[in-house]
Each structure stands twice: as structure tokens, then as C-alpha cells.
C-alpha atoms as a PDB file:
ATOM      1  CA  VAL A   1     -48.047 -58.569   1.512  1.00  0.00           C
ATOM      2  CA  GLN A   2     -46.683 -61.155   3.895  1.00  0.00           C
ATOM      3  CA  LEU A   3     -45.814 -60.814   7.566  1.00  0.00           C
ATOM      4  CA  VAL A   4     -44.109 -63.752   9.259  1.00  0.00           C
ATOM      5  CA  GLU A   5     -43.611 -63.732  13.012  1.00  0.00           C
ATOM      6  CA  SER A   6     -41.089 -65.888  14.828  1.00  0.00           C
ATOM      7  CA  GLY A   7     -39.441 -66.188  18.211  1.00  0.00           C
ATOM      8  CA  GLY A   8     -42.314 -67.337  20.391  1.00  0.00           C
ATOM      9  CA  GLY A   9     -42.256 -70.222  22.806  1.00  0.00           C
ATOM     10  CA  LEU A  10     -42.360 -71.172  26.462  1.00  0.00           C
ATOM     11  CA  VAL A  11     -40.430 -69.077  28.961  1.00  0.00           C
ATOM     12  CA  GLN A  12     -40.371 -68.772  32.723  1.00  0.00           C
ATOM     13  CA  PRO A  13     -41.531 -65.647  34.571  1.00  0.00           C
ATOM     14  CA  GLY A  14     -38.808 -63.019  34.670  1.00  0.00           C
ATOM     15  CA  GLU A  15     -37.098 -64.241  31.522  1.00  0.00           C
ATOM     16  CA  SER A  16     -36.713 -62.420  28.211  1.00  0.00           C
ATOM     17  CA  GLN A  17     -37.727 -63.208  24.672  1.00  0.00           C
ATOM     18  CA  ARG A  18     -37.412 -61.429  21.341  1.00  0.00           C
ATOM     19  CA  LEU A  19     -40.024 -61.682  18.637  1.00  0.00           C
ATOM     20  CA  SER A  20     -39.318 -60.936  14.986  1.00  0.00           C
ATOM     21  CA  CYS A  21     -41.659 -60.086  12.139  1.00  0.00           C
ATOM     22  CA  ALA A  22     -40.278 -60.278   8.619  1.00  0.00           C
ATOM     23  CA  ALA A  23     -42.235 -58.329   6.032  1.00  0.00           C
ATOM     24  CA  SER A  24     -42.315 -58.815   2.292  1.00  0.00           C
ATOM     25  CA  GLY A  25     -44.314 -57.340  -0.558  1.00  0.00           C
ATOM     26  CA  ILE A  26     -44.113 -53.812   0.804  1.00  0.00           C
ATOM     27  CA  ILE A  27     -41.599 -50.973   0.873  1.00  0.00           C
ATOM     28  CA  PHE A  28     -41.010 -51.659   4.538  1.00  0.00           C
ATOM     29  CA  SER A  29     -39.299 -48.397   5.424  1.00  0.00           C
ATOM     30  CA  MET A  30     -42.370 -46.392   4.428  1.00  0.00           C
ATOM     31  CA  TYR A  31     -44.770 -47.851   6.959  1.00  0.00           C
ATOM     32  CA  ALA A  32     -45.467 -47.842  10.641  1.00  0.00           C
ATOM     33  CA  MET A  33     -45.541 -51.310  12.167  1.00  0.00           C
ATOM     34  CA  GLY A  34     -47.350 -52.654  15.165  1.00  0.00           C
ATOM     35  CA  TRP A  35     -47.321 -55.565  17.566  1.00  0.00           C
ATOM     36  CA  TYR A  36     -50.621 -56.785  19.013  1.00  0.00           C
ATOM     37  CA  ARG A  37     -51.463 -59.691  21.251  1.00  0.00           C
ATOM     38  CA  GLN A  38     -54.491 -61.799  22.034  1.00  0.00           C
ATOM     39  CA  ALA A  39     -54.797 -63.799  25.220  1.00  0.00           C
ATOM     40  CA  PRO A  40     -57.277 -66.691  25.533  1.00  0.00           C
ATOM     41  CA  GLY A  41     -60.811 -65.379  25.907  1.00  0.00           C
ATOM     42  CA  LYS A  42     -59.753 -61.766  25.417  1.00  0.00           C
ATOM     43  CA  GLN A  43     -59.814 -59.280  22.584  1.00  0.00           C
ATOM     44  CA  ARG A  44     -56.745 -58.536  20.542  1.00  0.00           C
ATOM     45  CA  GLU A  45     -54.925 -55.549  21.988  1.00  0.00           C
ATOM     46  CA  LEU A  46     -52.181 -53.190  20.912  1.00  0.00           C
ATOM     47  CA  VAL A  47     -48.787 -53.733  22.510  1.00  0.00           C
ATOM     48  CA  ALA A  48     -46.409 -51.404  20.683  1.00  0.00           C
ATOM     49  CA  LEU A  49     -46.054 -49.245  17.582  1.00  0.00           C
ATOM     50  CA  ILE A  50     -43.097 -47.902  15.651  1.00  0.00           C
ATOM     51  CA  THR A  51     -43.409 -45.221  12.988  1.00  0.00           C
ATOM     52  CA  SER A  52     -41.519 -45.198   9.711  1.00  0.00           C
ATOM     53  CA  GLY A  53     -39.194 -42.665  11.325  1.00  0.00           C
ATOM     54  CA  GLY A  54     -38.531 -44.881  14.327  1.00  0.00           C
ATOM     55  CA  ARG A  55     -40.720 -43.172  16.915  1.00  0.00           C
ATOM     56  CA  THR A  56     -42.063 -45.754  19.339  1.00  0.00           C
ATOM     57  CA  THR A  57     -45.070 -46.167  21.593  1.00  0.00           C
ATOM     58  CA  VAL A  58     -45.765 -48.970  24.045  1.00  0.00           C
ATOM     59  CA  VAL A  59     -48.856 -49.507  26.138  1.00  0.00           C
ATOM     60  CA  ASP A  60     -48.718 -48.931  29.874  1.00  0.00           C
ATOM     61  CA  SER A  61     -48.975 -52.605  30.793  1.00  0.00           C
ATOM     62  CA  VAL A  62     -45.617 -53.351  29.138  1.00  0.00           C
ATOM     63  CA  LYS A  63     -43.870 -49.997  29.507  1.00  0.00           C
ATOM     64  CA  GLY A  64     -40.353 -50.406  30.848  1.00  0.00           C
ATOM     65  CA  ARG A  65     -40.330 -54.097  29.933  1.00  0.00           C
ATOM     66  CA  PHE A  66     -41.005 -54.275  26.178  1.00  0.00           C
ATOM     67  CA  THR A  67     -39.184 -52.445  23.391  1.00  0.00           C
ATOM     68  CA  ILE A  68     -40.131 -52.269  19.736  1.00  0.00           C
ATOM     69  CA  SER A  69     -37.504 -51.657  17.079  1.00  0.00           C
ATOM     70  CA  ARG A  70     -37.048 -52.055  13.343  1.00  0.00           C
ATOM     71  CA  ASP A  71     -34.354 -52.881  10.834  1.00  0.00           C
ATOM     72  CA  ASN A  72     -35.346 -51.409   7.489  1.00  0.00           C
ATOM     73  CA  ALA A  73     -32.465 -53.132   5.690  1.00  0.00           C
ATOM     74  CA  GLU A  74     -33.882 -56.491   6.820  1.00  0.00           C
ATOM     75  CA  SER A  75     -37.548 -55.446   6.517  1.00  0.00           C
ATOM     76  CA  THR A  76     -38.021 -56.723  10.047  1.00  0.00           C
ATOM     77  CA  VAL A  77     -39.660 -55.367  13.169  1.00  0.00           C
ATOM     78  CA  TYR A  78     -38.732 -56.700  16.598  1.00  0.00           C
ATOM     79  CA  LEU A  79     -40.354 -56.865  19.999  1.00  0.00           C
ATOM     80  CA  GLN A  80     -37.894 -57.309  22.842  1.00  0.00           C
ATOM     81  CA  MET A  81     -39.741 -58.546  25.908  1.00  0.00           C
ATOM     82  CA  ASN A  82     -38.024 -58.496  29.292  1.00  0.00           C
ATOM     83  CA  SER A  83     -39.225 -59.419  32.771  1.00  0.00           C
ATOM     84  CA  LEU A  84     -42.007 -61.492  31.313  1.00  0.00           C
ATOM     85  CA  LYS A  85     -45.065 -62.205  33.439  1.00  0.00           C
ATOM     86  CA  PRO A  86     -47.692 -64.948  33.179  1.00  0.00           C
ATOM     87  CA  GLU A  87     -50.197 -62.303  32.081  1.00  0.00           C
ATOM     88  CA  ASP A  88     -48.068 -61.675  28.990  1.00  0.00           C
ATOM     89  CA  THR A  89     -49.102 -65.108  27.736  1.00  0.00           C
ATOM     90  CA  ALA A  90     -50.805 -64.594  24.371  1.00  0.00           C
ATOM     91  CA  VAL A  91     -50.515 -64.996  20.648  1.00  0.00           C
ATOM     92  CA  TYR A  92     -48.487 -62.058  19.357  1.00  0.00           C
ATOM     93  CA  TYR A  93     -49.264 -60.607  15.947  1.00  0.00           C
ATOM     94  CA  CYS A  94     -47.470 -58.226  13.647  1.00  0.00           C
ATOM     95  CA  TYR A  95     -49.610 -55.636  11.838  1.00  0.00           C
ATOM     96  CA  VAL A  96     -49.234 -53.088   9.077  1.00  0.00           C
ATOM     97  CA  VAL A  97     -51.732 -50.692   7.547  1.00  0.00           C
ATOM     98  CA  LEU A  98     -51.385 -49.932   3.861  1.00  0.00           C
ATOM     99  CA  ARG A  99     -53.561 -47.866   1.580  1.00  0.00           C
ATOM    100  CA  SER A 100     -55.179 -51.149   0.496  1.00  0.00           C
ATOM    101  CA  GLY A 101     -56.021 -52.149   4.075  1.00  0.00           C
ATOM    102  CA  GLY A 102     -54.606 -53.752   7.186  1.00  0.00           C
ATOM    103  CA  TYR A 103     -52.525 -56.936   7.137  1.00  0.00           C
ATOM    104  CA  TRP A 104     -51.801 -59.381   9.940  1.00  0.00           C
ATOM    105  CA  GLY A 105     -49.187 -62.025  10.371  1.00  0.00           C
ATOM    106  CA  GLN A 106     -50.127 -65.551  11.412  1.00  0.00           C
ATOM    107  CA  GLY A 107     -49.094 -64.929  15.006  1.00  0.00           C
ATOM    108  CA  THR A 108     -46.605 -66.543  17.348  1.00  0.00           C
ATOM    109  CA  GLN A 109     -47.507 -68.043  20.716  1.00  0.00           C
ATOM    110  CA  VAL A 110     -45.748 -66.757  23.811  1.00  0.00           C
ATOM    111  CA  THR A 111     -46.356 -68.705  27.004  1.00  0.00           C
ATOM    112  CA  VAL A 112     -44.973 -67.489  30.312  1.00  0.00           C
ATOM    113  CA  SER A 113     -45.190 -70.175  32.925  1.00  0.00           C
ATOM    114  CA  SER A 114     -43.111 -71.872  35.587  1.00  0.00           C
END
């Protein structure tokens, strides 16, 4: 199982950014996928989930600004982030739970700063 995140970087407050997570080694369409983030000095926290059927959930702190989506043909899950705030600065991780356990990507840094 391999999860590879991309799309992070430095953006200014109010700007948008889209993260991608490409999965391999799994039948992607069968599994729910999640995005988590970890800010410096804080615990890793859930940001958004998408079920195998496409049902989505986002946490309150990003509701109305972040959208999770998936492309089963590309085995990729996305996190569209709009109206970014400095408090969104974190390493963002992709996550999947299989019968054999949970798997994380390596993470991608998102920094929101002027």
C-alpha cells in the first residue's frame, strides 16, 4: 500500500490550494479515504472523510472552505482548500484503513502566511 500526497506549499491567506493523494496497492474504489493534518506542537486531527460511495464529511473548522473528492479511475483523493487561513498551516496526510491496518502517506506541508 502506498499513499503519495502532493500539492502543498506556501500560500497567502485567502488563497486556494488543492492537495492530491495517489493510492496504489489497493482496490481504491472499495475504501473510504481521509485527510488529516498536524500543526506544529499539536496532535494530528481529522479534516475530511469520503466513503467508497462518495459521501463526504468535513470537520467544523473547515466546513464551507474545504471539499474532499475522489476519482476512482485515477485512484486519487483530493482536498480542495479555499479561503485558507494561517491556522490551516500544517502537514496534511492522506489515510486509509484496510483490514490489515491503517496506512498513512508521507504528508505534504501547507503553509499559509503573508
